[in-house]
Amino acid sequence: MAQNGGEIEQRLKALGFTLPQPAAPIANYVPAVVTGNLLFISGQLPFGADGTLAPAHVGSVGRVVSEQDAVKAAALSGLNCLAQAKLHIGDLARVSRCVRLGGFIHCDADFTRLAAVMNGASDLIGSALAEFGAHARSTIGVAQLPLGACVEVEAIFEIAG
């Protein structure tokens, strides 16, 4: 069964999200690579629609950033993965499955609810892609992320011809 890119964007809209303009890389890398039938999305920060990081999404989870705000940041990072996917393959209808998400959470050493934070991205991708959104995942805590962001999410999508 094929995806419908418009339906994916409608599901996002029902969740209160609109695909933003994809962010340009902030260092020496490309935002996405297609090889075979896989699309690898480089780590995406929780940039808002205005292209900036909200103050609530900067800093260490558990000390500066609340868990609730970190979950929202993870969702935005996942949304930015979808925006990169659309830019690089032309239509979200070509996404035949989310294969894997990787999450990096900037957190204090004693913050252990990493999985709960990463659920923000997993829930968004799962809702947007419906039955094609179930994915493998890893989540790790880190001491720092680019621009001081509290979350970064990377993705691997299977794509159809």
N, C-alpha and C. Protein backbone atom coordinates (compact mmCIF):
# COMPACT_ATOMS: atom_id res chain seq x y z
N MET A 1 0.84 -1.19 0.00
CA MET A 1 0.00 0.00 0.00
C MET A 1 0.88 1.24 0.00
N ALA A 2 0.64 2.16 -0.89
CA ALA A 2 1.45 3.37 -1.03
C ALA A 2 0.98 4.46 -0.08
N GLN A 3 1.93 5.30 0.29
CA GLN A 3 1.63 6.48 1.09
C GLN A 3 1.04 7.56 0.18
N ASN A 4 0.40 8.52 0.78
CA ASN A 4 -0.07 9.70 0.09
C ASN A 4 0.55 10.89 0.81
N GLY A 5 1.44 11.62 0.11
CA GLY A 5 2.14 12.73 0.74
C GLY A 5 1.20 13.78 1.32
N GLY A 6 0.09 14.05 0.62
CA GLY A 6 -0.88 15.02 1.12
C GLY A 6 -1.53 14.55 2.41
N GLU A 7 -1.81 13.26 2.49
CA GLU A 7 -2.39 12.71 3.72
C GLU A 7 -1.42 12.83 4.89
N ILE A 8 -0.14 12.61 4.64
CA ILE A 8 0.87 12.74 5.69
C ILE A 8 0.87 14.17 6.21
N GLU A 9 0.87 15.12 5.30
CA GLU A 9 0.88 16.53 5.72
C GLU A 9 -0.42 16.91 6.41
N GLN A 10 -1.55 16.30 6.01
CA GLN A 10 -2.82 16.55 6.70
C GLN A 10 -2.78 15.99 8.13
N ARG A 11 -2.19 14.81 8.30
CA ARG A 11 -2.05 14.24 9.65
C ARG A 11 -1.20 15.16 10.52
N LEU A 12 -0.13 15.68 9.95
CA LEU A 12 0.71 16.62 10.70
C LEU A 12 -0.07 17.86 11.09
N LYS A 13 -0.85 18.38 10.14
CA LYS A 13 -1.66 19.58 10.40
C LYS A 13 -2.66 19.31 11.53
N ALA A 14 -3.27 18.12 11.54
CA ALA A 14 -4.22 17.76 12.59
C ALA A 14 -3.53 17.71 13.96
N LEU A 15 -2.22 17.44 13.95
CA LEU A 15 -1.44 17.43 15.20
C LEU A 15 -0.94 18.83 15.57
N GLY A 16 -1.21 19.81 14.69
CA GLY A 16 -0.78 21.18 14.96
C GLY A 16 0.57 21.53 14.36
N PHE A 17 1.04 20.74 13.39
CA PHE A 17 2.35 20.96 12.77
C PHE A 17 2.22 21.22 11.28
N THR A 18 3.09 22.08 10.77
CA THR A 18 3.25 22.31 9.35
C THR A 18 4.72 22.12 9.04
N LEU A 19 5.01 21.46 7.92
CA LEU A 19 6.42 21.26 7.56
C LEU A 19 7.11 22.60 7.41
N PRO A 20 8.22 22.80 8.12
CA PRO A 20 8.96 24.05 8.00
C PRO A 20 9.89 24.03 6.80
N GLN A 21 10.49 25.15 6.51
CA GLN A 21 11.57 25.21 5.54
C GLN A 21 12.73 24.41 6.12
N PRO A 22 13.29 23.44 5.39
CA PRO A 22 14.39 22.65 5.93
C PRO A 22 15.59 23.51 6.27
N ALA A 23 16.23 23.20 7.37
CA ALA A 23 17.40 23.95 7.82
C ALA A 23 18.61 23.60 6.97
N ALA A 24 19.43 24.61 6.71
CA ALA A 24 20.71 24.39 6.03
C ALA A 24 21.69 23.79 7.03
N PRO A 25 22.64 23.00 6.57
CA PRO A 25 23.64 22.45 7.49
C PRO A 25 24.40 23.55 8.21
N ILE A 26 24.78 23.29 9.45
CA ILE A 26 25.54 24.28 10.22
C ILE A 26 27.03 23.94 10.28
N ALA A 27 27.45 22.91 9.55
CA ALA A 27 28.85 22.51 9.49
C ALA A 27 29.10 21.82 8.16
N ASN A 28 30.18 21.07 8.06
CA ASN A 28 30.59 20.44 6.81
C ASN A 28 29.96 19.05 6.63
N TYR A 29 28.70 19.04 6.24
CA TYR A 29 27.97 17.81 5.95
C TYR A 29 26.78 18.16 5.07
N VAL A 30 26.13 17.13 4.55
CA VAL A 30 24.91 17.34 3.77
C VAL A 30 23.74 16.91 4.64
N PRO A 31 22.58 17.51 4.46
CA PRO A 31 21.44 17.18 5.32
C PRO A 31 20.81 15.83 5.05
N ALA A 32 21.05 15.27 3.85
CA ALA A 32 20.45 13.98 3.52
C ALA A 32 21.25 13.30 2.42
N VAL A 33 21.23 11.96 2.47
CA VAL A 33 21.88 11.15 1.45
C VAL A 33 20.94 10.02 1.08
N VAL A 34 20.77 9.82 -0.22
CA VAL A 34 20.01 8.67 -0.71
C VAL A 34 21.01 7.66 -1.23
N THR A 35 20.85 6.41 -0.79
CA THR A 35 21.64 5.31 -1.33
C THR A 35 20.70 4.12 -1.47
N GLY A 36 20.63 3.60 -2.68
CA GLY A 36 19.66 2.53 -2.93
C GLY A 36 18.26 3.03 -2.63
N ASN A 37 17.54 2.27 -1.81
CA ASN A 37 16.18 2.68 -1.44
C ASN A 37 16.12 3.26 -0.03
N LEU A 38 17.26 3.75 0.47
CA LEU A 38 17.30 4.33 1.81
C LEU A 38 17.64 5.81 1.75
N LEU A 39 16.97 6.58 2.58
CA LEU A 39 17.22 8.00 2.75
C LEU A 39 17.71 8.22 4.17
N PHE A 40 18.94 8.69 4.31
CA PHE A 40 19.54 8.98 5.61
C PHE A 40 19.44 10.48 5.85
N ILE A 41 18.78 10.86 6.93
CA ILE A 41 18.64 12.27 7.29
C ILE A 41 19.63 12.57 8.41
N SER A 42 20.50 13.55 8.19
CA SER A 42 21.44 13.98 9.23
C SER A 42 20.67 14.50 10.43
N GLY A 43 21.34 14.53 11.58
CA GLY A 43 20.71 15.00 12.81
C GLY A 43 20.05 16.36 12.64
N GLN A 44 18.81 16.44 13.08
CA GLN A 44 18.03 17.68 12.99
C GLN A 44 17.77 18.23 14.38
N LEU A 45 17.97 19.52 14.51
CA LEU A 45 17.71 20.22 15.78
C LEU A 45 16.25 20.67 15.81
N PRO A 46 15.77 21.08 16.97
CA PRO A 46 14.36 21.49 17.09
C PRO A 46 14.09 22.93 16.66
N PHE A 47 14.50 23.25 15.43
CA PHE A 47 14.22 24.59 14.90
C PHE A 47 12.72 24.75 14.71
N GLY A 48 12.21 25.89 15.10
CA GLY A 48 10.80 26.21 14.89
C GLY A 48 10.57 26.70 13.48
N ALA A 49 9.33 27.06 13.20
CA ALA A 49 8.94 27.53 11.86
C ALA A 49 9.73 28.77 11.45
N ASP A 50 10.18 29.54 12.44
CA ASP A 50 10.95 30.75 12.14
C ASP A 50 12.44 30.46 11.93
N GLY A 51 12.83 29.19 12.02
CA GLY A 51 14.22 28.81 11.79
C GLY A 51 15.14 29.00 12.98
N THR A 52 14.56 29.26 14.14
CA THR A 52 15.39 29.46 15.34
C THR A 52 15.06 28.42 16.40
N LEU A 53 15.96 28.31 17.36
CA LEU A 53 15.73 27.47 18.53
C LEU A 53 15.01 28.30 19.58
N ALA A 54 13.89 27.80 20.08
CA ALA A 54 13.19 28.49 21.16
C ALA A 54 14.04 28.41 22.42
N PRO A 55 14.03 29.45 23.24
CA PRO A 55 14.79 29.40 24.50
C PRO A 55 14.46 28.17 25.35
N ALA A 56 13.22 27.70 25.28
CA ALA A 56 12.81 26.52 26.05
C ALA A 56 13.47 25.24 25.55
N HIS A 57 14.12 25.29 24.37
CA HIS A 57 14.75 24.10 23.78
C HIS A 57 16.27 24.19 23.79
N VAL A 58 16.81 25.09 24.60
CA VAL A 58 18.25 25.26 24.70
C VAL A 58 18.68 24.96 26.14
N GLY A 59 19.65 24.07 26.26
CA GLY A 59 20.19 23.73 27.57
C GLY A 59 20.01 22.26 27.90
N SER A 60 20.40 21.94 29.09
CA SER A 60 20.40 20.55 29.55
C SER A 60 19.04 20.14 30.11
N VAL A 61 18.52 19.00 29.62
CA VAL A 61 17.25 18.47 30.13
C VAL A 61 17.48 17.99 31.56
N GLY A 62 16.60 18.38 32.43
CA GLY A 62 16.72 18.01 33.84
C GLY A 62 17.31 19.12 34.69
N ARG A 63 17.96 20.09 34.03
CA ARG A 63 18.51 21.23 34.77
C ARG A 63 17.89 22.53 34.27
N VAL A 64 17.98 22.77 32.95
CA VAL A 64 17.49 24.02 32.36
C VAL A 64 16.18 23.78 31.62
N VAL A 65 16.10 22.69 30.89
CA VAL A 65 14.94 22.37 30.05
C VAL A 65 14.08 21.33 30.75
N SER A 66 12.78 21.59 30.81
CA SER A 66 11.87 20.63 31.43
C SER A 66 11.69 19.41 30.52
N GLU A 67 11.31 18.31 31.09
CA GLU A 67 11.05 17.11 30.29
C GLU A 67 9.96 17.39 29.26
N GLN A 68 8.91 18.11 29.66
CA GLN A 68 7.81 18.42 28.74
C GLN A 68 8.31 19.24 27.55
N ASP A 69 9.16 20.23 27.80
CA ASP A 69 9.71 21.03 26.70
C ASP A 69 10.64 20.19 25.83
N ALA A 70 11.37 19.26 26.42
CA ALA A 70 12.26 18.39 25.65
C ALA A 70 11.47 17.46 24.75
N VAL A 71 10.32 16.97 25.22
CA VAL A 71 9.45 16.14 24.37
C VAL A 71 8.99 16.95 23.16
N LYS A 72 8.62 18.21 23.38
CA LYS A 72 8.21 19.08 22.27
C LYS A 72 9.38 19.32 21.32
N ALA A 73 10.57 19.47 21.87
CA ALA A 73 11.76 19.66 21.03
C ALA A 73 12.03 18.42 20.19
N ALA A 74 11.84 17.25 20.76
CA ALA A 74 12.04 16.00 20.00
C ALA A 74 11.03 15.92 18.86
N ALA A 75 9.80 16.33 19.12
CA ALA A 75 8.78 16.32 18.06
C ALA A 75 9.19 17.28 16.93
N LEU A 76 9.66 18.46 17.28
CA LEU A 76 10.11 19.42 16.26
C LEU A 76 11.29 18.87 15.47
N SER A 77 12.20 18.19 16.15
CA SER A 77 13.34 17.59 15.46
C SER A 77 12.86 16.52 14.48
N GLY A 78 11.89 15.72 14.89
CA GLY A 78 11.31 14.73 13.99
C GLY A 78 10.61 15.38 12.81
N LEU A 79 9.90 16.48 13.06
CA LEU A 79 9.25 17.23 11.99
C LEU A 79 10.29 17.74 11.00
N ASN A 80 11.41 18.21 11.51
CA ASN A 80 12.47 18.70 10.64
C ASN A 80 13.09 17.56 9.82
N CYS A 81 13.10 16.35 10.35
CA CYS A 81 13.52 15.18 9.56
C CYS A 81 12.58 14.98 8.38
N LEU A 82 11.28 15.09 8.62
CA LEU A 82 10.31 14.95 7.54
C LEU A 82 10.45 16.07 6.51
N ALA A 83 10.75 17.29 6.97
CA ALA A 83 10.94 18.41 6.03
C ALA A 83 12.15 18.15 5.14
N GLN A 84 13.23 17.63 5.71
CA GLN A 84 14.40 17.29 4.90
C GLN A 84 14.06 16.18 3.91
N ALA A 85 13.28 15.19 4.37
CA ALA A 85 12.89 14.09 3.48
C ALA A 85 12.13 14.64 2.28
N LYS A 86 11.17 15.50 2.52
CA LYS A 86 10.38 16.05 1.42
C LYS A 86 11.27 16.83 0.46
N LEU A 87 12.19 17.63 1.00
CA LEU A 87 13.09 18.40 0.15
C LEU A 87 13.94 17.49 -0.73
N HIS A 88 14.43 16.41 -0.17
CA HIS A 88 15.40 15.58 -0.89
C HIS A 88 14.79 14.51 -1.78
N ILE A 89 13.54 14.13 -1.54
CA ILE A 89 12.93 13.12 -2.42
C ILE A 89 11.71 13.67 -3.16
N GLY A 90 11.33 14.92 -2.87
CA GLY A 90 10.29 15.59 -3.63
C GLY A 90 8.88 15.44 -3.12
N ASP A 91 8.57 14.31 -2.50
CA ASP A 91 7.20 14.06 -2.06
C ASP A 91 7.24 13.03 -0.94
N LEU A 92 6.59 13.34 0.17
CA LEU A 92 6.56 12.39 1.28
C LEU A 92 5.85 11.09 0.92
N ALA A 93 5.10 11.09 -0.18
CA ALA A 93 4.46 9.86 -0.64
C ALA A 93 5.50 8.79 -0.98
N ARG A 94 6.73 9.21 -1.25
CA ARG A 94 7.80 8.24 -1.56
C ARG A 94 8.34 7.54 -0.32
N VAL A 95 8.01 8.03 0.86
CA VAL A 95 8.45 7.36 2.09
C VAL A 95 7.60 6.11 2.27
N SER A 96 8.24 4.96 2.16
CA SER A 96 7.50 3.71 2.31
C SER A 96 7.59 3.16 3.73
N ARG A 97 8.52 3.69 4.54
CA ARG A 97 8.62 3.25 5.94
C ARG A 97 9.69 4.09 6.64
N CYS A 98 9.46 4.34 7.91
CA CYS A 98 10.53 4.86 8.76
C CYS A 98 11.26 3.63 9.30
N VAL A 99 12.53 3.50 8.98
CA VAL A 99 13.31 2.34 9.40
C VAL A 99 13.85 2.53 10.81
N ARG A 100 14.42 3.72 11.07
CA ARG A 100 15.08 3.94 12.35
C ARG A 100 15.13 5.43 12.68
N LEU A 101 14.99 5.74 13.94
CA LEU A 101 15.27 7.07 14.48
C LEU A 101 16.39 6.94 15.49
N GLY A 102 17.25 7.94 15.51
CA GLY A 102 18.29 8.03 16.53
C GLY A 102 18.11 9.34 17.26
N GLY A 103 18.15 9.29 18.57
CA GLY A 103 17.96 10.50 19.36
C GLY A 103 19.12 10.77 20.29
N PHE A 104 19.48 12.03 20.36
CA PHE A 104 20.53 12.49 21.25
C PHE A 104 19.91 13.52 22.18
N ILE A 105 20.01 13.29 23.47
CA ILE A 105 19.40 14.17 24.46
C ILE A 105 20.50 14.81 25.29
N HIS A 106 20.60 16.12 25.22
CA HIS A 106 21.55 16.86 26.05
C HIS A 106 20.95 16.91 27.45
N CYS A 107 21.57 16.18 28.38
CA CYS A 107 20.96 16.06 29.70
C CYS A 107 22.00 15.96 30.80
N ASP A 108 21.53 16.16 32.01
CA ASP A 108 22.37 15.95 33.19
C ASP A 108 22.64 14.46 33.35
N ALA A 109 23.72 14.14 34.03
CA ALA A 109 24.11 12.74 34.22
C ALA A 109 23.05 11.92 34.95
N ASP A 110 22.27 12.56 35.80
CA ASP A 110 21.27 11.81 36.57
C ASP A 110 19.89 11.80 35.92
N PHE A 111 19.74 12.37 34.72
CA PHE A 111 18.46 12.34 34.02
C PHE A 111 18.35 11.01 33.28
N THR A 112 17.36 10.21 33.62
CA THR A 112 17.24 8.86 33.06
C THR A 112 16.03 8.67 32.16
N ARG A 113 15.22 9.68 31.97
CA ARG A 113 13.99 9.53 31.19
C ARG A 113 14.20 9.88 29.71
N LEU A 114 15.32 9.41 29.18
CA LEU A 114 15.66 9.67 27.78
C LEU A 114 14.61 9.12 26.83
N ALA A 115 14.14 7.90 27.10
CA ALA A 115 13.15 7.28 26.22
C ALA A 115 11.87 8.10 26.18
N ALA A 116 11.45 8.65 27.31
CA ALA A 116 10.23 9.46 27.35
C ALA A 116 10.39 10.72 26.50
N VAL A 117 11.57 11.32 26.53
CA VAL A 117 11.82 12.51 25.71
C VAL A 117 11.77 12.13 24.23
N MET A 118 12.44 11.06 23.87
CA MET A 118 12.51 10.65 22.46
C MET A 118 11.15 10.22 21.93
N ASN A 119 10.23 9.87 22.82
CA ASN A 119 8.88 9.54 22.37
C ASN A 119 8.24 10.70 21.62
N GLY A 120 8.67 11.93 21.89
CA GLY A 120 8.13 13.07 21.14
C GLY A 120 8.35 12.91 19.65
N ALA A 121 9.56 12.50 19.25
CA ALA A 121 9.85 12.27 17.84
C ALA A 121 9.16 11.01 17.33
N SER A 122 9.23 9.93 18.10
CA SER A 122 8.62 8.67 17.68
C SER A 122 7.12 8.81 17.50
N ASP A 123 6.47 9.50 18.43
CA ASP A 123 5.03 9.68 18.33
C ASP A 123 4.66 10.51 17.11
N LEU A 124 5.43 11.56 16.84
CA LEU A 124 5.14 12.40 15.68
C LEU A 124 5.31 11.61 14.38
N ILE A 125 6.43 10.90 14.25
CA ILE A 125 6.68 10.12 13.03
C ILE A 125 5.62 9.02 12.90
N GLY A 126 5.31 8.35 13.99
CA GLY A 126 4.30 7.30 13.96
C GLY A 126 2.94 7.82 13.56
N SER A 127 2.56 8.96 14.08
CA SER A 127 1.26 9.55 13.72
C SER A 127 1.23 10.02 12.28
N ALA A 128 2.32 10.64 11.83
CA ALA A 128 2.37 11.17 10.47
C ALA A 128 2.36 10.06 9.43
N LEU A 129 3.11 9.00 9.67
CA LEU A 129 3.26 7.94 8.67
C LEU A 129 2.31 6.76 8.90
N ALA A 130 1.50 6.83 9.97
CA ALA A 130 0.53 5.77 10.28
C ALA A 130 1.24 4.42 10.34
N GLU A 131 0.72 3.41 9.65
CA GLU A 131 1.29 2.06 9.76
C GLU A 131 2.71 1.97 9.21
N PHE A 132 3.17 2.97 8.47
CA PHE A 132 4.53 2.98 7.94
C PHE A 132 5.51 3.69 8.89
N GLY A 133 5.02 4.10 10.05
CA GLY A 133 5.84 4.87 10.97
C GLY A 133 6.50 4.08 12.08
N ALA A 134 6.16 2.79 12.24
CA ALA A 134 6.80 1.98 13.28
C ALA A 134 8.27 1.80 12.92
N HIS A 135 9.16 2.03 13.88
CA HIS A 135 10.59 2.08 13.58
C HIS A 135 11.44 1.53 14.72
N ALA A 136 12.66 1.15 14.37
CA ALA A 136 13.68 0.85 15.37
C ALA A 136 14.21 2.18 15.90
N ARG A 137 14.85 2.15 17.08
CA ARG A 137 15.27 3.43 17.66
C ARG A 137 16.38 3.23 18.65
N SER A 138 17.22 4.22 18.75
CA SER A 138 18.17 4.29 19.86
C SER A 138 18.15 5.72 20.38
N THR A 139 18.41 5.85 21.67
CA THR A 139 18.40 7.15 22.32
C THR A 139 19.55 7.19 23.32
N ILE A 140 20.36 8.23 23.22
CA ILE A 140 21.48 8.34 24.15
C ILE A 140 21.54 9.74 24.74
N GLY A 141 22.02 9.82 25.96
CA GLY A 141 22.25 11.10 26.61
C GLY A 141 23.65 11.60 26.28
N VAL A 142 23.76 12.90 26.04
CA VAL A 142 25.05 13.49 25.69
C VAL A 142 25.29 14.75 26.52
N ALA A 143 26.56 15.14 26.59
CA ALA A 143 26.95 16.30 27.39
C ALA A 143 26.66 17.63 26.70
N GLN A 144 26.56 17.62 25.37
CA GLN A 144 26.34 18.86 24.62
C GLN A 144 25.87 18.53 23.22
N LEU A 145 25.11 19.46 22.62
CA LEU A 145 24.67 19.34 21.23
C LEU A 145 24.92 20.67 20.53
N PRO A 146 24.94 20.67 19.19
CA PRO A 146 25.17 21.92 18.47
C PRO A 146 24.18 23.01 18.89
N LEU A 147 24.70 24.23 18.96
CA LEU A 147 23.93 25.43 19.30
C LEU A 147 23.28 25.35 20.68
N GLY A 148 23.69 24.38 21.49
CA GLY A 148 23.12 24.24 22.83
C GLY A 148 21.76 23.58 22.86
N ALA A 149 21.31 23.04 21.73
CA ALA A 149 19.99 22.41 21.65
C ALA A 149 19.88 21.27 22.66
N CYS A 150 18.66 21.02 23.11
CA CYS A 150 18.43 19.95 24.09
C CYS A 150 18.21 18.60 23.43
N VAL A 151 17.88 18.58 22.13
CA VAL A 151 17.58 17.33 21.42
C VAL A 151 18.08 17.44 19.99
N GLU A 152 18.52 16.31 19.46
CA GLU A 152 18.83 16.18 18.04
C GLU A 152 18.32 14.80 17.61
N VAL A 153 17.68 14.74 16.44
CA VAL A 153 17.12 13.48 15.94
C VAL A 153 17.60 13.25 14.52
N GLU A 154 18.02 12.01 14.25
CA GLU A 154 18.38 11.59 12.90
C GLU A 154 17.43 10.48 12.47
N ALA A 155 17.30 10.28 11.16
CA ALA A 155 16.33 9.30 10.68
C ALA A 155 16.85 8.54 9.47
N ILE A 156 16.33 7.33 9.32
CA ILE A 156 16.53 6.54 8.12
C ILE A 156 15.15 6.15 7.62
N PHE A 157 14.85 6.50 6.38
CA PHE A 157 13.58 6.18 5.76
C PHE A 157 13.83 5.26 4.56
N GLU A 158 12.95 4.30 4.36
CA GLU A 158 12.94 3.53 3.13
C GLU A 158 12.09 4.32 2.14
N ILE A 159 12.55 4.40 0.91
CA ILE A 159 11.81 5.17 -0.08
C ILE A 159 11.47 4.29 -1.29
N ALA A 160 10.36 4.62 -1.91
CA ALA A 160 9.92 3.93 -3.11
C ALA A 160 10.43 4.69 -4.32
N GLY A 161 10.72 3.93 -5.38
CA GLY A 161 11.21 4.46 -6.66
C GLY A 161 10.78 5.81 -6.96
